[in-house]
Amino acid sequence: MRSVIALLVLASTSIALAQTGSPYRVIHTYTLGGDGGWDYLVPDPPNHRIFIGRQNRVMVVDENTGALLGEVAGIDGAHGVAIAADAGRGFATSGNDATIVMFDLKSYAALGRIPAADDADAIIYDAPSRRVFSFNGDAHSATVVDAAKGTLVTNIPLGGKPEYGVSMGDGHVYVNLTDINEIVEIDARNATAGRRWPTAPCRNPVSMAVDTQHGRIFSGCRSGVMAVSDVNAGKVVATMPIGMGVDGAGYDPSTGDAFASAADGTLTVIHQDAPDRYRVVQTLTTAVGSRNLGLDVTRHRLFVAAAKFNQAAAGARGRGAMVPGSFSLLEIGR
């Protein structure tokens, strides 16, 4: 009986992979080194480079070779990066001093510092409004910046602790509120918060990705699920199991695959059979702590950060210190 069950499981896995293409695998491991922890990985697909927040700087890495192209310096608590290509500028959150560092996308030189709010964390660019939105966790707000002028527009109260957000490309921005398990919609041009809906049964939504064609949002939740929302209906329409400790999400419209990277060392691949119908097709082992994810949709490549850690002291909570020089970038594809 066990052998029959094993054969059935193998057959179903093979069918799933056949329907969605070859399984994903780690193609390259690039050792980058350098001190400090990390946060968001933000690809710049037209230029095939990746911006990585590294505590007191942002590393800029060539995703084809793993070479360090440069760094954005002068950041205190680096988290995310927003790329405003039409303005030739990047914007990096400096969480510890509640500011946003504006920099040149070619030279990586700092061009100015814009006030944000406490715990400025994730940050995105909304092309239709030509505005940058930083999501400030402790302040429960979003800071709005005019990308062309490099100036503060306003701060929007959100009514909860924001994590990651996305632009739908239609004048609306959406962000997870992790402490109250909600998604809130922002009118980008008017800089106002509007509709909101619960992410239940998902709890603690953090990472986010978007399917603009079908108006679907993917929320990676620390409760071990990914929740898919229909933005027009303002409700969750599907959930799938993912790894624990998620902090990264992505969606590739060419393949219909959604991704969730988690601290338990897994990358969950979820295939979209229809806008409201999904299934897990693969769970790839990455590295413990590899919870941040960047997706280059032009090359269908994913990138996750990894490092080695010393064994934590007996009775201590969490992991040990990062082994010096072990920080690396895993390139994942088919």
Protein backbone atom coordinates (compact mmCIF):
# COMPACT_ATOMS: atom_id res chain seq x y z
CA MET A 1 0.00 0.00 0.00
CA ARG A 2 2.83 2.41 0.87
CA SER A 3 4.50 1.78 -2.47
CA VAL A 4 1.24 2.52 -4.28
CA ILE A 5 0.82 5.79 -2.37
CA ALA A 6 4.42 6.75 -3.13
CA LEU A 7 3.88 6.10 -6.83
CA LEU A 8 0.70 8.20 -6.81
CA VAL A 9 2.51 11.09 -5.12
CA LEU A 10 5.38 10.85 -7.61
CA ALA A 11 2.95 10.74 -10.52
CA SER A 12 0.98 13.75 -9.31
CA THR A 13 4.20 15.73 -8.78
CA SER A 14 5.40 14.83 -12.27
CA ILE A 15 2.08 15.90 -13.79
CA ALA A 16 2.18 19.23 -11.95
CA LEU A 17 5.72 19.96 -13.12
CA ALA A 18 4.88 18.89 -16.65
CA GLN A 19 2.00 21.35 -16.73
CA THR A 20 4.12 24.25 -15.49
CA GLY A 21 7.51 23.45 -17.08
CA SER A 22 10.74 22.16 -15.55
CA PRO A 23 11.25 22.50 -11.80
CA TYR A 24 13.08 25.54 -10.47
CA ARG A 25 16.62 25.07 -9.19
CA VAL A 26 19.54 27.07 -7.85
CA ILE A 27 21.56 27.93 -10.95
CA HIS A 28 24.33 30.06 -9.45
CA THR A 29 25.59 31.07 -6.03
CA TYR A 30 27.40 34.40 -5.95
CA THR A 31 29.45 35.14 -2.83
CA LEU A 32 29.22 38.86 -2.15
CA GLY A 33 30.58 39.10 1.38
CA GLY A 34 30.46 42.31 3.35
CA ASP A 35 29.31 43.11 6.87
CA GLY A 36 25.80 43.67 8.13
CA GLY A 37 22.41 42.09 7.76
CA TRP A 38 20.14 42.61 4.79
CA ASP A 39 16.57 43.31 3.85
CA TYR A 40 14.79 43.79 0.50
CA LEU A 41 16.22 42.64 -2.82
CA VAL A 42 14.98 44.95 -5.60
CA PRO A 43 15.78 43.99 -9.21
CA ASP A 44 16.13 46.56 -11.97
CA PRO A 45 15.21 44.30 -14.93
CA PRO A 46 16.07 46.67 -17.83
CA ASN A 47 19.62 46.99 -16.49
CA HIS A 48 19.93 43.48 -15.00
CA ARG A 49 21.08 44.69 -11.63
CA ILE A 50 19.85 44.20 -8.08
CA PHE A 51 19.71 46.66 -5.20
CA ILE A 52 20.21 45.07 -1.77
CA GLY A 53 19.73 46.92 1.53
CA ARG A 54 22.72 46.14 3.79
CA GLN A 55 22.35 47.97 7.11
CA ASN A 56 24.40 51.12 6.38
CA ARG A 57 24.38 51.05 2.57
CA VAL A 58 22.71 49.64 -0.51
CA MET A 59 24.73 47.18 -2.58
CA VAL A 60 24.22 47.26 -6.36
CA VAL A 61 24.97 43.89 -7.93
CA ASP A 62 25.18 42.75 -11.56
CA GLU A 63 22.70 39.89 -11.69
CA ASN A 64 24.49 38.30 -14.68
CA THR A 65 27.86 37.97 -12.98
CA GLY A 66 27.36 38.66 -9.28
CA ALA A 67 29.87 41.53 -9.50
CA LEU A 68 29.49 44.50 -7.18
CA LEU A 69 28.75 47.53 -9.36
CA GLY A 70 28.72 50.08 -6.57
CA GLU A 71 27.08 51.13 -3.32
CA VAL A 72 24.75 53.83 -2.07
CA ALA A 73 26.35 55.10 1.12
CA GLY A 74 25.16 57.20 4.06
CA ILE A 75 22.18 55.06 5.10
CA ASP A 76 21.31 54.28 8.71
CA GLY A 77 19.18 51.15 8.75
CA ALA A 78 18.86 50.21 5.07
CA HIS A 79 15.68 48.44 4.03
CA GLY A 80 14.16 48.96 0.58
CA VAL A 81 14.81 50.73 -2.72
CA ALA A 82 12.39 52.31 -5.19
CA ILE A 83 13.54 52.79 -8.78
CA ALA A 84 12.15 55.81 -10.63
CA ALA A 85 13.79 55.15 -13.99
CA ASP A 86 11.97 58.00 -15.75
CA ALA A 87 13.47 60.44 -13.26
CA GLY A 88 16.91 58.79 -13.28
CA ARG A 89 16.72 58.43 -9.52
CA GLY A 90 16.56 55.80 -6.84
CA PHE A 91 15.12 56.19 -3.35
CA ALA A 92 16.35 54.16 -0.37
CA THR A 93 14.78 54.03 3.09
CA SER A 94 17.02 54.88 6.03
CA GLY A 95 14.89 53.47 8.81
CA ASN A 96 16.88 54.43 11.88
CA ASP A 97 16.79 58.16 11.16
CA ALA A 98 13.33 58.14 9.49
CA THR A 99 14.53 59.48 6.14
CA ILE A 100 14.65 58.56 2.46
CA VAL A 101 17.96 58.90 0.62
CA MET A 102 17.57 59.97 -3.01
CA PHE A 103 20.42 58.86 -5.29
CA ASP A 104 21.53 58.90 -8.92
CA LEU A 105 20.80 55.63 -10.73
CA LYS A 106 24.04 55.80 -12.73
CA SER A 107 26.65 56.99 -10.25
CA TYR A 108 24.82 55.84 -7.05
CA ALA A 109 25.79 59.17 -5.49
CA ALA A 110 23.39 60.58 -2.91
CA LEU A 111 21.39 63.56 -4.21
CA GLY A 112 19.47 64.46 -1.08
CA ARG A 113 17.67 63.31 2.03
CA ILE A 114 13.88 63.52 2.40
CA PRO A 115 12.07 63.30 5.75
CA ALA A 116 9.86 60.23 6.17
CA ALA A 117 8.54 58.83 9.48
CA ASP A 118 9.49 56.33 12.19
CA ASP A 119 10.59 52.93 10.91
CA ALA A 120 10.68 53.82 7.21
CA ASP A 121 10.90 50.33 5.74
CA ALA A 122 9.58 49.12 2.37
CA ILE A 123 9.43 51.63 -0.49
CA ILE A 124 7.98 51.47 -4.02
CA TYR A 125 7.55 53.65 -7.11
CA ASP A 126 4.15 54.28 -8.70
CA ALA A 127 4.79 55.24 -12.33
CA PRO A 128 1.34 56.71 -13.18
CA SER A 129 1.56 59.30 -10.39
CA ARG A 130 5.37 59.61 -10.59
CA ARG A 131 5.42 59.29 -6.82
CA VAL A 132 7.41 57.23 -4.36
CA PHE A 133 5.69 55.64 -1.35
CA SER A 134 7.61 54.54 1.73
CA PHE A 135 5.79 52.41 4.29
CA ASN A 136 6.64 53.41 7.85
CA GLY A 137 5.98 50.57 10.27
CA ASP A 138 6.07 52.22 13.69
CA ALA A 139 4.45 55.43 12.40
CA HIS A 140 1.56 53.50 10.80
CA SER A 141 1.85 55.71 7.75
CA ALA A 142 3.01 56.05 4.15
CA THR A 143 5.32 58.88 3.11
CA VAL A 144 4.65 60.26 -0.38
CA VAL A 145 7.51 61.80 -2.39
CA ASP A 146 7.45 63.58 -5.75
CA ALA A 147 10.09 61.61 -7.68
CA ALA A 148 10.82 64.33 -10.24
CA LYS A 149 11.25 67.11 -7.67
CA GLY A 150 12.66 64.93 -4.91
CA THR A 151 10.41 66.57 -2.35
CA LEU A 152 8.00 65.45 0.35
CA VAL A 153 4.32 65.57 -0.63
CA THR A 154 2.64 64.31 2.53
CA ASN A 155 2.30 61.48 5.04
CA ILE A 156 -0.81 59.29 4.84
CA PRO A 157 -2.19 57.71 8.05
CA LEU A 158 -2.93 54.03 7.35
CA GLY A 159 -4.52 52.86 10.59
CA GLY A 160 -2.13 49.93 10.99
CA LYS A 161 1.49 48.83 10.63
CA PRO A 162 2.42 48.65 6.93
CA GLU A 163 4.82 46.15 5.45
CA TYR A 164 5.33 45.70 1.69
CA GLY A 165 3.17 47.27 -1.01
CA VAL A 166 2.65 47.24 -4.78
CA SER A 167 1.48 49.54 -7.55
CA MET A 168 -1.42 48.27 -9.66
CA GLY A 169 -0.40 50.62 -12.45
CA ASP A 170 -3.85 52.24 -12.56
CA GLY A 171 -3.35 54.99 -10.01
CA HIS A 172 -3.77 52.76 -6.97
CA VAL A 173 -1.22 51.42 -4.50
CA TYR A 174 -1.92 48.54 -2.10
CA VAL A 175 -0.11 47.66 1.11
CA ASN A 176 -0.32 44.95 3.77
CA LEU A 177 -1.14 46.04 7.32
CA THR A 178 0.51 43.26 9.26
CA ASP A 179 -0.68 44.02 12.80
CA ILE A 180 -4.41 44.15 11.94
CA ASN A 181 -4.39 41.61 9.06
CA GLU A 182 -5.69 43.93 6.38
CA ILE A 183 -4.89 45.32 2.93
CA VAL A 184 -5.46 49.02 2.37
CA GLU A 185 -5.87 50.78 -0.98
CA ILE A 186 -4.18 54.15 -1.57
CA ASP A 187 -5.24 56.66 -4.20
CA ALA A 188 -1.78 57.60 -5.47
CA ARG A 189 -2.67 60.95 -7.06
CA ASN A 190 -4.83 62.21 -4.22
CA ALA A 191 -2.56 60.68 -1.56
CA THR A 192 -5.44 59.28 0.46
CA ALA A 193 -6.18 55.89 2.01
CA GLY A 194 -9.48 54.34 0.97
CA ARG A 195 -10.91 50.83 0.80
CA ARG A 196 -9.57 48.06 3.00
CA TRP A 197 -10.38 44.41 3.53
CA PRO A 198 -9.27 41.57 5.83
CA THR A 199 -6.72 38.97 4.75
CA ALA A 200 -8.27 36.18 6.89
CA PRO A 201 -7.48 33.33 7.19
CA CYS A 202 -4.02 34.80 6.56
CA ARG A 203 -2.42 36.37 9.64
CA ASN A 204 0.47 38.84 9.68
CA PRO A 205 0.64 39.63 5.95
CA VAL A 206 4.08 40.97 5.08
CA SER A 207 5.37 40.37 1.54
CA MET A 208 3.31 41.32 -1.51
CA ALA A 209 3.27 40.75 -5.28
CA VAL A 210 0.80 41.76 -7.98
CA ASP A 211 -0.89 40.37 -11.09
CA THR A 212 -1.96 43.58 -12.83
CA GLN A 213 -3.67 41.77 -15.72
CA HIS A 214 -6.21 40.03 -13.49
CA GLY A 215 -6.25 42.50 -10.59
CA ARG A 216 -4.90 40.02 -8.06
CA ILE A 217 -2.63 40.65 -5.09
CA PHE A 218 -0.50 37.98 -3.43
CA SER A 219 0.15 38.47 0.30
CA GLY A 220 2.78 36.30 1.96
CA CYS A 221 1.69 35.73 5.55
CA ARG A 222 3.75 34.78 8.59
CA SER A 223 1.00 32.31 9.55
CA GLY A 224 2.29 30.03 6.76
CA VAL A 225 -0.05 30.83 3.87
CA MET A 226 -0.16 33.00 0.79
CA ALA A 227 -3.47 34.84 0.36
CA VAL A 228 -4.70 35.94 -3.07
CA SER A 229 -7.01 38.97 -3.15
CA ASP A 230 -9.34 40.19 -5.88
CA VAL A 231 -8.85 43.95 -5.70
CA ASN A 232 -12.11 44.78 -7.47
CA ALA A 233 -14.15 42.67 -5.06
CA GLY A 234 -11.95 43.62 -2.10
CA LYS A 235 -11.69 40.11 -0.70
CA VAL A 236 -9.44 37.06 -0.42
CA VAL A 237 -10.32 34.46 -3.06
CA ALA A 238 -7.69 31.75 -2.42
CA THR A 239 -4.99 30.65 0.03
CA MET A 240 -2.09 28.21 -0.34
CA PRO A 241 0.41 26.82 2.17
CA ILE A 242 3.94 28.28 2.15
CA GLY A 243 7.00 28.14 4.39
CA MET A 244 7.33 29.78 7.80
CA GLY A 245 8.97 33.18 8.21
CA VAL A 246 8.05 34.54 4.77
CA ASP A 247 9.40 37.95 3.76
CA GLY A 248 9.50 37.79 -0.04
CA ALA A 249 6.94 37.35 -2.81
CA GLY A 250 6.85 37.56 -6.59
CA TYR A 251 4.63 36.88 -9.58
CA ASP A 252 5.75 36.14 -13.14
CA PRO A 253 2.92 36.88 -15.61
CA SER A 254 4.64 34.94 -18.41
CA THR A 255 4.61 31.66 -16.51
CA GLY A 256 1.66 32.28 -14.18
CA ASP A 257 3.88 31.31 -11.24
CA ALA A 258 3.80 33.06 -7.87
CA PHE A 259 6.61 32.68 -5.34
CA ALA A 260 7.09 32.95 -1.58
CA SER A 261 10.51 32.83 0.08
CA ALA A 262 10.73 32.02 3.79
CA ALA A 263 13.25 32.00 6.63
CA ASP A 264 12.84 28.24 7.04
CA GLY A 265 14.90 27.85 3.85
CA THR A 266 12.10 27.20 1.36
CA LEU A 267 10.90 28.80 -1.85
CA THR A 268 7.29 27.86 -2.58
CA VAL A 269 6.19 27.91 -6.22
CA ILE A 270 2.45 28.37 -6.77
CA HIS A 271 0.88 28.08 -10.22
CA GLN A 272 -2.10 30.14 -11.30
CA ASP A 273 -4.53 27.87 -13.16
CA ALA A 274 -7.15 30.65 -13.23
CA PRO A 275 -7.39 34.05 -11.47
CA ASP A 276 -9.12 32.41 -8.49
CA ARG A 277 -7.57 28.93 -8.73
CA TYR A 278 -4.03 28.05 -7.60
CA ARG A 279 -1.89 25.09 -6.55
CA VAL A 280 1.54 24.51 -5.06
CA VAL A 281 3.73 22.86 -7.68
CA GLN A 282 7.14 22.91 -6.01
CA THR A 283 8.91 23.59 -2.73
CA LEU A 284 12.57 24.33 -3.38
CA THR A 285 15.16 24.17 -0.59
CA THR A 286 17.26 27.35 -0.45
CA ALA A 287 19.05 28.24 2.81
CA VAL A 288 17.87 28.91 6.34
CA GLY A 289 17.34 32.66 6.69
CA SER A 290 16.77 33.19 2.96
CA ARG A 291 13.46 34.97 3.32
CA ASN A 292 14.04 37.92 0.94
CA LEU A 293 13.28 37.58 -2.75
CA GLY A 294 13.76 39.57 -5.95
CA LEU A 295 12.28 38.59 -9.33
CA ASP A 296 13.52 39.68 -12.76
CA VAL A 297 10.48 39.01 -14.96
CA THR A 298 12.42 39.72 -18.17
CA ARG A 299 14.77 36.77 -17.56
CA HIS A 300 12.43 34.70 -15.38
CA ARG A 301 15.10 34.58 -12.70
CA LEU A 302 14.65 34.79 -8.94
CA PHE A 303 17.27 35.94 -6.48
CA VAL A 304 17.35 35.22 -2.75
CA ALA A 305 19.90 36.31 -0.18
CA ALA A 306 21.74 33.72 1.90
CA ALA A 307 24.45 33.52 4.54
CA LYS A 308 26.02 31.11 7.00
CA PHE A 309 25.47 31.57 10.71
CA ASN A 310 27.38 30.47 13.78
CA GLN A 311 25.49 28.17 16.11
CA ALA A 312 23.50 30.20 18.62
CA ALA A 313 24.60 29.98 22.23
CA ALA A 314 22.79 27.44 24.34
CA GLY A 315 19.48 28.82 25.53
CA ALA A 316 19.75 31.91 23.30
CA ARG A 317 16.83 32.90 21.12
CA GLY A 318 17.22 33.17 17.35
CA ARG A 319 20.25 32.38 15.25
CA GLY A 320 23.93 33.02 15.88
CA ALA A 321 26.05 35.73 14.28
CA MET A 322 26.59 35.68 10.54
CA VAL A 323 29.87 34.07 9.51
CA PRO A 324 32.08 36.90 8.14
CA GLY A 325 32.26 36.99 4.36
CA SER A 326 29.48 34.41 3.89
CA PHE A 327 26.76 36.69 2.50
CA SER A 328 25.73 35.44 -0.92
CA LEU A 329 23.10 35.66 -3.64
CA LEU A 330 21.33 32.59 -5.00
CA GLU A 331 20.11 32.78 -8.61
CA ILE A 332 17.10 30.51 -9.23
CA GLY A 333 15.55 29.52 -12.53
CA ARG A 334 14.66 26.56 -14.71
